[in-house]
Amino acid sequence: MNLERLQWIMSGLNRYKLTEKEDQFVKSTEYDFNQKSILTEQQEEKLEFLYKEKSRLTPNRNYLSPGESISQKKTKAKKYRP
């Protein structure tokens, strides 16, 4: 895994609420990459799986603000009579 791919996944994971174990794994993986400039195949697979799982669990996500959902309904304008 190259640095750009790792940064993209890490920035994506930072948008989601992670459990304590998941957060610890992400931090240790980032530390390992900074020390060795390479990750094991297991670490790569687990990171990508974690990212896919977290992004799949957030329905109707707005990519600019992931906590908000996009409204699918059209609203009608109210007409007021004098």
PDB file of N, CA and C in Angstrom:
ATOM      1  N   MET A   1       0.866  -1.181   0.000  1.00  0.00           N
ATOM      2  CA  MET A   1       0.000   0.000   0.000  1.00  0.00           C
ATOM      3  C   MET A   1       0.901   1.229   0.000  1.00  0.00           C
ATOM      4  N   ASN A   2       0.553   2.180  -0.825  1.00  0.00           N
ATOM      5  CA  ASN A   2       1.354   3.399  -0.880  1.00  0.00           C
ATOM      6  C   ASN A   2       0.811   4.445   0.108  1.00  0.00           C
ATOM      7  N   LEU A   3       1.576   5.494   0.280  1.00  0.00           N
ATOM      8  CA  LEU A   3       1.251   6.532   1.261  1.00  0.00           C
ATOM      9  C   LEU A   3      -0.070   7.229   0.933  1.00  0.00           C
ATOM     10  N   GLU A   4      -0.318   7.533  -0.334  1.00  0.00           N
ATOM     11  CA  GLU A   4      -1.551   8.232  -0.717  1.00  0.00           C
ATOM     12  C   GLU A   4      -2.790   7.404  -0.385  1.00  0.00           C
ATOM     13  N   ARG A   5      -2.732   6.108  -0.686  1.00  0.00           N
ATOM     14  CA  ARG A   5      -3.864   5.206  -0.398  1.00  0.00           C
ATOM     15  C   ARG A   5      -4.106   5.129   1.105  1.00  0.00           C
ATOM     16  N   LEU A   6      -3.029   5.005   1.880  1.00  0.00           N
ATOM     17  CA  LEU A   6      -3.154   4.937   3.339  1.00  0.00           C
ATOM     18  C   LEU A   6      -3.760   6.220   3.893  1.00  0.00           C
ATOM     19  N   GLN A   7      -3.312   7.366   3.419  1.00  0.00           N
ATOM     20  CA  GLN A   7      -3.853   8.643   3.887  1.00  0.00           C
ATOM     21  C   GLN A   7      -5.325   8.773   3.532  1.00  0.00           C
ATOM     22  N   TRP A   8      -5.722   8.301   2.351  1.00  0.00           N
ATOM     23  CA  TRP A   8      -7.115   8.365   1.940  1.00  0.00           C
ATOM     24  C   TRP A   8      -7.986   7.509   2.860  1.00  0.00           C
ATOM     25  N   ILE A   9      -7.539   6.307   3.169  1.00  0.00           N
ATOM     26  CA  ILE A   9      -8.300   5.425   4.061  1.00  0.00           C
ATOM     27  C   ILE A   9      -8.350   5.997   5.469  1.00  0.00           C
ATOM     28  N   MET A  10      -7.224   6.517   5.956  1.00  0.00           N
ATOM     29  CA  MET A  10      -7.179   7.089   7.311  1.00  0.00           C
ATOM     30  C   MET A  10      -8.101   8.299   7.419  1.00  0.00           C
ATOM     31  N   SER A  11      -8.113   9.150   6.414  1.00  0.00           N
ATOM     32  CA  SER A  11      -8.991  10.317   6.470  1.00  0.00           C
ATOM     33  C   SER A  11     -10.452   9.885   6.428  1.00  0.00           C
ATOM     34  N   GLY A  12     -10.738   8.833   5.676  1.00  0.00           N
ATOM     35  CA  GLY A  12     -12.098   8.303   5.644  1.00  0.00           C
ATOM     36  C   GLY A  12     -12.507   7.714   6.980  1.00  0.00           C
ATOM     37  N   LEU A  13     -11.598   7.002   7.635  1.00  0.00           N
ATOM     38  CA  LEU A  13     -11.916   6.402   8.933  1.00  0.00           C
ATOM     39  C   LEU A  13     -12.065   7.460  10.025  1.00  0.00           C
ATOM     40  N   ASN A  14     -11.398   8.589   9.863  1.00  0.00           N
ATOM     41  CA  ASN A  14     -11.513   9.662  10.863  1.00  0.00           C
ATOM     42  C   ASN A  14     -12.912  10.271  10.894  1.00  0.00           C
ATOM     43  N   ARG A  15     -13.693  10.075   9.822  1.00  0.00           N
ATOM     44  CA  ARG A  15     -15.049  10.624   9.786  1.00  0.00           C
ATOM     45  C   ARG A  15     -16.029   9.787  10.596  1.00  0.00           C
ATOM     46  N   TYR A  16     -15.672   8.547  10.877  1.00  0.00           N
ATOM     47  CA  TYR A  16     -16.588   7.632  11.554  1.00  0.00           C
ATOM     48  C   TYR A  16     -16.177   7.418  12.997  1.00  0.00           C
ATOM     49  N   LYS A  17     -17.160   7.074  13.796  1.00  0.00           N
ATOM     50  CA  LYS A  17     -16.890   6.766  15.189  1.00  0.00           C
ATOM     51  C   LYS A  17     -16.391   5.322  15.264  1.00  0.00           C
ATOM     52  N   LEU A  18     -15.171   5.160  15.765  1.00  0.00           N
ATOM     53  CA  LEU A  18     -14.561   3.847  15.862  1.00  0.00           C
ATOM     54  C   LEU A  18     -14.602   3.350  17.301  1.00  0.00           C
ATOM     55  N   THR A  19     -14.638   2.037  17.451  1.00  0.00           N
ATOM     56  CA  THR A  19     -14.547   1.472  18.795  1.00  0.00           C
ATOM     57  C   THR A  19     -13.112   1.652  19.281  1.00  0.00           C
ATOM     58  N   GLU A  20     -12.894   1.381  20.557  1.00  0.00           N
ATOM     59  CA  GLU A  20     -11.562   1.567  21.128  1.00  0.00           C
ATOM     60  C   GLU A  20     -10.536   0.648  20.448  1.00  0.00           C
ATOM     61  N   LYS A  21     -10.912  -0.592  20.201  1.00  0.00           N
ATOM     62  CA  LYS A  21     -10.002  -1.545  19.553  1.00  0.00           C
ATOM     63  C   LYS A  21      -9.712  -1.140  18.108  1.00  0.00           C
ATOM     64  N   GLU A  22     -10.745  -0.688  17.401  1.00  0.00           N
ATOM     65  CA  GLU A  22     -10.557  -0.248  16.017  1.00  0.00           C
ATOM     66  C   GLU A  22      -9.638   0.966  15.960  1.00  0.00           C
ATOM     67  N   ASP A  23      -9.852   1.912  16.874  1.00  0.00           N
ATOM     68  CA  ASP A  23      -9.029   3.108  16.927  1.00  0.00           C
ATOM     69  C   ASP A  23      -7.576   2.752  17.233  1.00  0.00           C
ATOM     70  N   GLN A  24      -7.378   1.844  18.170  1.00  0.00           N
ATOM     71  CA  GLN A  24      -6.034   1.411  18.528  1.00  0.00           C
ATOM     72  C   GLN A  24      -5.353   0.727  17.335  1.00  0.00           C
ATOM     73  N   PHE A  25      -6.102  -0.103  16.604  1.00  0.00           N
ATOM     74  CA  PHE A  25      -5.542  -0.761  15.428  1.00  0.00           C
ATOM     75  C   PHE A  25      -5.132   0.253  14.361  1.00  0.00           C
ATOM     76  N   VAL A  26      -5.987   1.240  14.124  1.00  0.00           N
ATOM     77  CA  VAL A  26      -5.689   2.257  13.111  1.00  0.00           C
ATOM     78  C   VAL A  26      -4.432   3.037  13.490  1.00  0.00           C
ATOM     79  N   LYS A  27      -4.329   3.420  14.749  1.00  0.00           N
ATOM     80  CA  LYS A  27      -3.150   4.169  15.199  1.00  0.00           C
ATOM     81  C   LYS A  27      -1.876   3.333  15.109  1.00  0.00           C
ATOM     82  N   SER A  28      -1.958   2.065  15.507  1.00  0.00           N
ATOM     83  CA  SER A  28      -0.768   1.210  15.444  1.00  0.00           C
ATOM     84  C   SER A  28      -0.358   0.935  13.997  1.00  0.00           C
ATOM     85  N   THR A  29      -1.341   0.794  13.117  1.00  0.00           N
ATOM     86  CA  THR A  29      -1.033   0.580  11.703  1.00  0.00           C
ATOM     87  C   THR A  29      -0.363   1.805  11.108  1.00  0.00           C
ATOM     88  N   GLU A  30      -0.863   2.969  11.455  1.00  0.00           N
ATOM     89  CA  GLU A  30      -0.256   4.212  10.960  1.00  0.00           C
ATOM     90  C   GLU A  30       1.169   4.355  11.491  1.00  0.00           C
ATOM     91  N   TYR A  31       1.377   4.018  12.755  1.00  0.00           N
ATOM     92  CA  TYR A  31       2.713   4.078  13.357  1.00  0.00           C
ATOM     93  C   TYR A  31       3.657   3.107  12.647  1.00  0.00           C
ATOM     94  N   ASP A  32       3.186   1.877  12.402  1.00  0.00           N
ATOM     95  CA  ASP A  32       4.000   0.886  11.690  1.00  0.00           C
ATOM     96  C   ASP A  32       4.396   1.388  10.310  1.00  0.00           C
ATOM     97  N   PHE A  33       3.447   1.991   9.607  1.00  0.00           N
ATOM     98  CA  PHE A  33       3.739   2.497   8.263  1.00  0.00           C
ATOM     99  C   PHE A  33       4.769   3.617   8.321  1.00  0.00           C
ATOM    100  N   ASN A  34       4.661   4.483   9.321  1.00  0.00           N
ATOM    101  CA  ASN A  34       5.616   5.584   9.451  1.00  0.00           C
ATOM    102  C   ASN A  34       7.022   5.065   9.777  1.00  0.00           C
ATOM    103  N   GLN A  35       7.104   3.963  10.524  1.00  0.00           N
ATOM    104  CA  GLN A  35       8.402   3.403  10.892  1.00  0.00           C
ATOM    105  C   GLN A  35       9.033   2.597   9.750  1.00  0.00           C
ATOM    106  N   LYS A  36       8.240   1.742   9.118  1.00  0.00           N
ATOM    107  CA  LYS A  36       8.782   0.797   8.138  1.00  0.00           C
ATOM    108  C   LYS A  36       8.483   1.167   6.681  1.00  0.00           C
ATOM    109  N   SER A  37       7.559   2.092   6.473  1.00  0.00           N
ATOM    110  CA  SER A  37       7.105   2.499   5.135  1.00  0.00           C
ATOM    111  C   SER A  37       6.459   1.356   4.360  1.00  0.00           C
ATOM    112  N   ILE A  38       5.948   0.367   5.082  1.00  0.00           N
ATOM    113  CA  ILE A  38       5.247  -0.745   4.440  1.00  0.00           C
ATOM    114  C   ILE A  38       4.329  -1.397   5.477  1.00  0.00           C
ATOM    115  N   LEU A  39       3.239  -1.969   4.979  1.00  0.00           N
ATOM    116  CA  LEU A  39       2.300  -2.679   5.845  1.00  0.00           C
ATOM    117  C   LEU A  39       2.243  -4.139   5.417  1.00  0.00           C
ATOM    118  N   THR A  40       1.840  -4.990   6.349  1.00  0.00           N
ATOM    119  CA  THR A  40       1.647  -6.386   5.992  1.00  0.00           C
ATOM    120  C   THR A  40       0.348  -6.505   5.195  1.00  0.00           C
ATOM    121  N   GLU A  41       0.199  -7.598   4.515  1.00  0.00           N
ATOM    122  CA  GLU A  41      -1.008  -7.819   3.719  1.00  0.00           C
ATOM    123  C   GLU A  41      -2.240  -7.905   4.619  1.00  0.00           C
ATOM    124  N   GLN A  42      -2.075  -8.503   5.801  1.00  0.00           N
ATOM    125  CA  GLN A  42      -3.194  -8.593   6.754  1.00  0.00           C
ATOM    126  C   GLN A  42      -3.642  -7.211   7.205  1.00  0.00           C
ATOM    127  N   GLN A  43      -2.686  -6.337   7.501  1.00  0.00           N
ATOM    128  CA  GLN A  43      -3.037  -4.982   7.936  1.00  0.00           C
ATOM    129  C   GLN A  43      -3.767  -4.233   6.829  1.00  0.00           C
ATOM    130  N   GLU A  44      -3.297  -4.367   5.606  1.00  0.00           N
ATOM    131  CA  GLU A  44      -3.952  -3.699   4.478  1.00  0.00           C
ATOM    132  C   GLU A  44      -5.387  -4.186   4.317  1.00  0.00           C
ATOM    133  N   GLU A  45      -5.568  -5.502   4.347  1.00  0.00           N
ATOM    134  CA  GLU A  45      -6.908  -6.069   4.181  1.00  0.00           C
ATOM    135  C   GLU A  45      -7.840  -5.638   5.301  1.00  0.00           C
ATOM    136  N   LYS A  46      -7.337  -5.645   6.527  1.00  0.00           N
ATOM    137  CA  LYS A  46      -8.173  -5.268   7.663  1.00  0.00           C
ATOM    138  C   LYS A  46      -8.558  -3.788   7.607  1.00  0.00           C
ATOM    139  N   LEU A  47      -7.626  -2.932   7.213  1.00  0.00           N
ATOM    140  CA  LEU A  47      -7.928  -1.503   7.082  1.00  0.00           C
ATOM    141  C   LEU A  47      -8.993  -1.260   6.023  1.00  0.00           C
ATOM    142  N   GLU A  48      -8.833  -1.881   4.872  1.00  0.00           N
ATOM    143  CA  GLU A  48      -9.809  -1.688   3.802  1.00  0.00           C
ATOM    144  C   GLU A  48     -11.168  -2.266   4.172  1.00  0.00           C
ATOM    145  N   PHE A  49     -11.176  -3.417   4.838  1.00  0.00           N
ATOM    146  CA  PHE A  49     -12.436  -4.011   5.288  1.00  0.00           C
ATOM    147  C   PHE A  49     -13.123  -3.103   6.303  1.00  0.00           C
ATOM    148  N   LEU A  50     -12.354  -2.561   7.237  1.00  0.00           N
ATOM    149  CA  LEU A  50     -12.902  -1.673   8.257  1.00  0.00           C
ATOM    150  C   LEU A  50     -13.504  -0.426   7.613  1.00  0.00           C
ATOM    151  N   TYR A  51     -12.799   0.144   6.632  1.00  0.00           N
ATOM    152  CA  TYR A  51     -13.307   1.329   5.946  1.00  0.00           C
ATOM    153  C   TYR A  51     -14.602   1.017   5.183  1.00  0.00           C
ATOM    154  N   LYS A  52     -14.620  -0.105   4.468  1.00  0.00           N
ATOM    155  CA  LYS A  52     -15.815  -0.486   3.708  1.00  0.00           C
ATOM    156  C   LYS A  52     -16.995  -0.745   4.642  1.00  0.00           C
ATOM    157  N   GLU A  53     -16.719  -1.386   5.769  1.00  0.00           N
ATOM    158  CA  GLU A  53     -17.781  -1.690   6.730  1.00  0.00           C
ATOM    159  C   GLU A  53     -18.365  -0.417   7.323  1.00  0.00           C
ATOM    160  N   LYS A  54     -17.507   0.518   7.716  1.00  0.00           N
ATOM    161  CA  LYS A  54     -17.986   1.766   8.318  1.00  0.00           C
ATOM    162  C   LYS A  54     -18.740   2.612   7.302  1.00  0.00           C
ATOM    163  N   SER A  55     -18.255   2.684   6.074  1.00  0.00           N
ATOM    164  CA  SER A  55     -18.934   3.505   5.075  1.00  0.00           C
ATOM    165  C   SER A  55     -20.252   2.872   4.648  1.00  0.00           C
ATOM    166  N   ARG A  56     -20.349   1.560   4.685  1.00  0.00           N
ATOM    167  CA  ARG A  56     -21.586   0.869   4.313  1.00  0.00           C
ATOM    168  C   ARG A  56     -22.664   1.071   5.375  1.00  0.00           C
ATOM    169  N   LEU A  57     -22.272   1.235   6.628  1.00  0.00           N
ATOM    170  CA  LEU A  57     -23.232   1.365   7.719  1.00  0.00           C
ATOM    171  C   LEU A  57     -23.853   2.743   7.824  1.00  0.00           C
ATOM    172  N   THR A  58     -23.370   3.709   7.060  1.00  0.00           N
ATOM    173  CA  THR A  58     -23.897   5.071   7.110  1.00  0.00           C
ATOM    174  C   THR A  58     -24.785   5.299   5.886  1.00  0.00           C
ATOM    175  N   PRO A  59     -26.119   5.156   6.022  1.00  0.00           N
ATOM    176  CA  PRO A  59     -27.005   5.328   4.868  1.00  0.00           C
ATOM    177  C   PRO A  59     -27.205   6.798   4.511  1.00  0.00           C
ATOM    178  N   ASN A  60     -27.454   7.051   3.248  1.00  0.00           N
ATOM    179  CA  ASN A  60     -27.753   8.403   2.745  1.00  0.00           C
ATOM    180  C   ASN A  60     -26.740   9.432   3.219  1.00  0.00           C
ATOM    181  N   ARG A  61     -25.480   9.099   3.108  1.00  0.00           N
ATOM    182  CA  ARG A  61     -24.466  10.010   3.639  1.00  0.00           C
ATOM    183  C   ARG A  61     -24.176  11.137   2.655  1.00  0.00           C
ATOM    184  N   ASN A  62     -23.935  12.287   3.215  1.00  0.00           N
ATOM    185  CA  ASN A  62     -23.525  13.446   2.451  1.00  0.00           C
ATOM    186  C   ASN A  62     -22.003  13.492   2.555  1.00  0.00           C
ATOM    187  N   TYR A  63     -21.275  13.458   1.440  1.00  0.00           N
ATOM    188  CA  TYR A  63     -19.831  13.368   1.489  1.00  0.00           C
ATOM    189  C   TYR A  63     -19.168  14.617   2.053  1.00  0.00           C
ATOM    190  N   LEU A  64     -19.870  15.735   2.071  1.00  0.00           N
ATOM    191  CA  LEU A  64     -19.292  16.936   2.647  1.00  0.00           C
ATOM    192  C   LEU A  64     -19.420  16.954   4.155  1.00  0.00           C
ATOM    193  N   SER A  65     -20.508  16.425   4.679  1.00  0.00           N
ATOM    194  CA  SER A  65     -20.680  16.306   6.122  1.00  0.00           C
ATOM    195  C   SER A  65     -21.307  14.941   6.408  1.00  0.00           C
ATOM    196  N   PRO A  66     -20.500  13.956   6.777  1.00  0.00           N
ATOM    197  CA  PRO A  66     -20.972  12.574   6.848  1.00  0.00           C
ATOM    198  C   PRO A  66     -22.049  12.307   7.884  1.00  0.00           C
ATOM    199  N   GLY A  67     -22.216  13.165   8.865  1.00  0.00           N
ATOM    200  CA  GLY A  67     -23.227  12.925   9.894  1.00  0.00           C
ATOM    201  C   GLY A  67     -24.643  13.240   9.440  1.00  0.00           C
ATOM    202  N   GLU A  68     -24.769  14.036   8.422  1.00  0.00           N
ATOM    203  CA  GLU A  68     -26.091  14.459   7.964  1.00  0.00           C
ATOM    204  C   GLU A  68     -26.586  13.565   6.848  1.00  0.00           C
ATOM    205  N   SER A  69     -27.867  13.317   6.825  1.00  0.00           N
ATOM    206  CA  SER A  69     -28.431  12.521   5.730  1.00  0.00           C
ATOM    207  C   SER A  69     -29.059  13.464   4.708  1.00  0.00           C
ATOM    208  N   ILE A  70     -29.160  12.982   3.510  1.00  0.00           N
ATOM    209  CA  ILE A  70     -29.729  13.775   2.421  1.00  0.00           C
ATOM    210  C   ILE A  70     -31.230  13.501   2.365  1.00  0.00           C
ATOM    211  N   SER A  71     -32.005  14.548   2.341  1.00  0.00           N
ATOM    212  CA  SER A  71     -33.452  14.384   2.270  1.00  0.00           C
ATOM    213  C   SER A  71     -33.850  13.980   0.862  1.00  0.00           C
ATOM    214  N   GLN A  72     -34.640  12.927   0.741  1.00  0.00           N
ATOM    215  CA  GLN A  72     -35.043  12.420  -0.558  1.00  0.00           C
ATOM    216  C   GLN A  72     -36.399  12.973  -1.003  1.00  0.00           C
ATOM    217  N   LYS A  73     -37.165  13.567  -0.078  1.00  0.00           N
ATOM    218  CA  LYS A  73     -38.496  14.063  -0.422  1.00  0.00           C
ATOM    219  C   LYS A  73     -38.431  15.493  -0.934  1.00  0.00           C
ATOM    220  N   LYS A  74     -39.333  15.801  -1.837  1.00  0.00           N
ATOM    221  CA  LYS A  74     -39.479  17.180  -2.292  1.00  0.00           C
ATOM    222  C   LYS A  74     -40.511  17.839  -1.392  1.00  0.00           C
ATOM    223  N   THR A  75     -40.246  19.071  -1.022  1.00  0.00           N
ATOM    224  CA  THR A  75     -41.195  19.792  -0.189  1.00  0.00           C
ATOM    225  C   THR A  75     -41.977  20.765  -1.051  1.00  0.00           C
ATOM    226  N   LYS A  76     -43.226  20.904  -0.736  1.00  0.00           N
ATOM    227  CA  LYS A  76     -44.077  21.836  -1.474  1.00  0.00           C
ATOM    228  C   LYS A  76     -44.021  23.202  -0.808  1.00  0.00           C
ATOM    229  N   ALA A  77     -44.028  24.220  -1.622  1.00  0.00           N
ATOM    230  CA  ALA A  77     -44.060  25.557  -1.106  1.00  0.00           C
ATOM    231  C   ALA A  77     -45.481  25.882  -0.656  1.00  0.00           C
ATOM    232  N   LYS A  78     -45.593  26.490   0.494  1.00  0.00           N
ATOM    233  CA  LYS A  78     -46.940  26.862   1.007  1.00  0.00           C
ATOM    234  C   LYS A  78     -47.354  28.194   0.401  1.00  0.00           C
ATOM    235  N   LYS A  79     -48.593  28.236   0.002  1.00  0.00           N
ATOM    236  CA  LYS A  79     -49.139  29.480  -0.533  1.00  0.00           C
ATOM    237  C   LYS A  79     -50.045  30.086   0.528  1.00  0.00           C
ATOM    238  N   TYR A  80     -49.762  31.298   0.862  1.00  0.00           N
ATOM    239  CA  TYR A  80     -50.575  31.995   1.856  1.00  0.00           C
ATOM    240  C   TYR A  80     -51.565  32.897   1.136  1.00  0.00           C
ATOM    241  N   ARG A  81     -52.795  32.866   1.568  1.00  0.00           N
ATOM    242  CA  ARG A  81     -53.815  33.723   0.979  1.00  0.00           C
ATOM    243  C   ARG A  81     -54.009  34.946   1.862  1.00  0.00           C
ATOM    244  N   PRO A  82     -54.199  36.076   1.237  1.00  0.00           N
ATOM    245  CA  PRO A  82     -54.395  37.311   2.019  1.00  0.00           C
ATOM    246  C   PRO A  82     -55.751  37.363   2.698  1.00  0.00           C
TER     247      PRO A  82
END
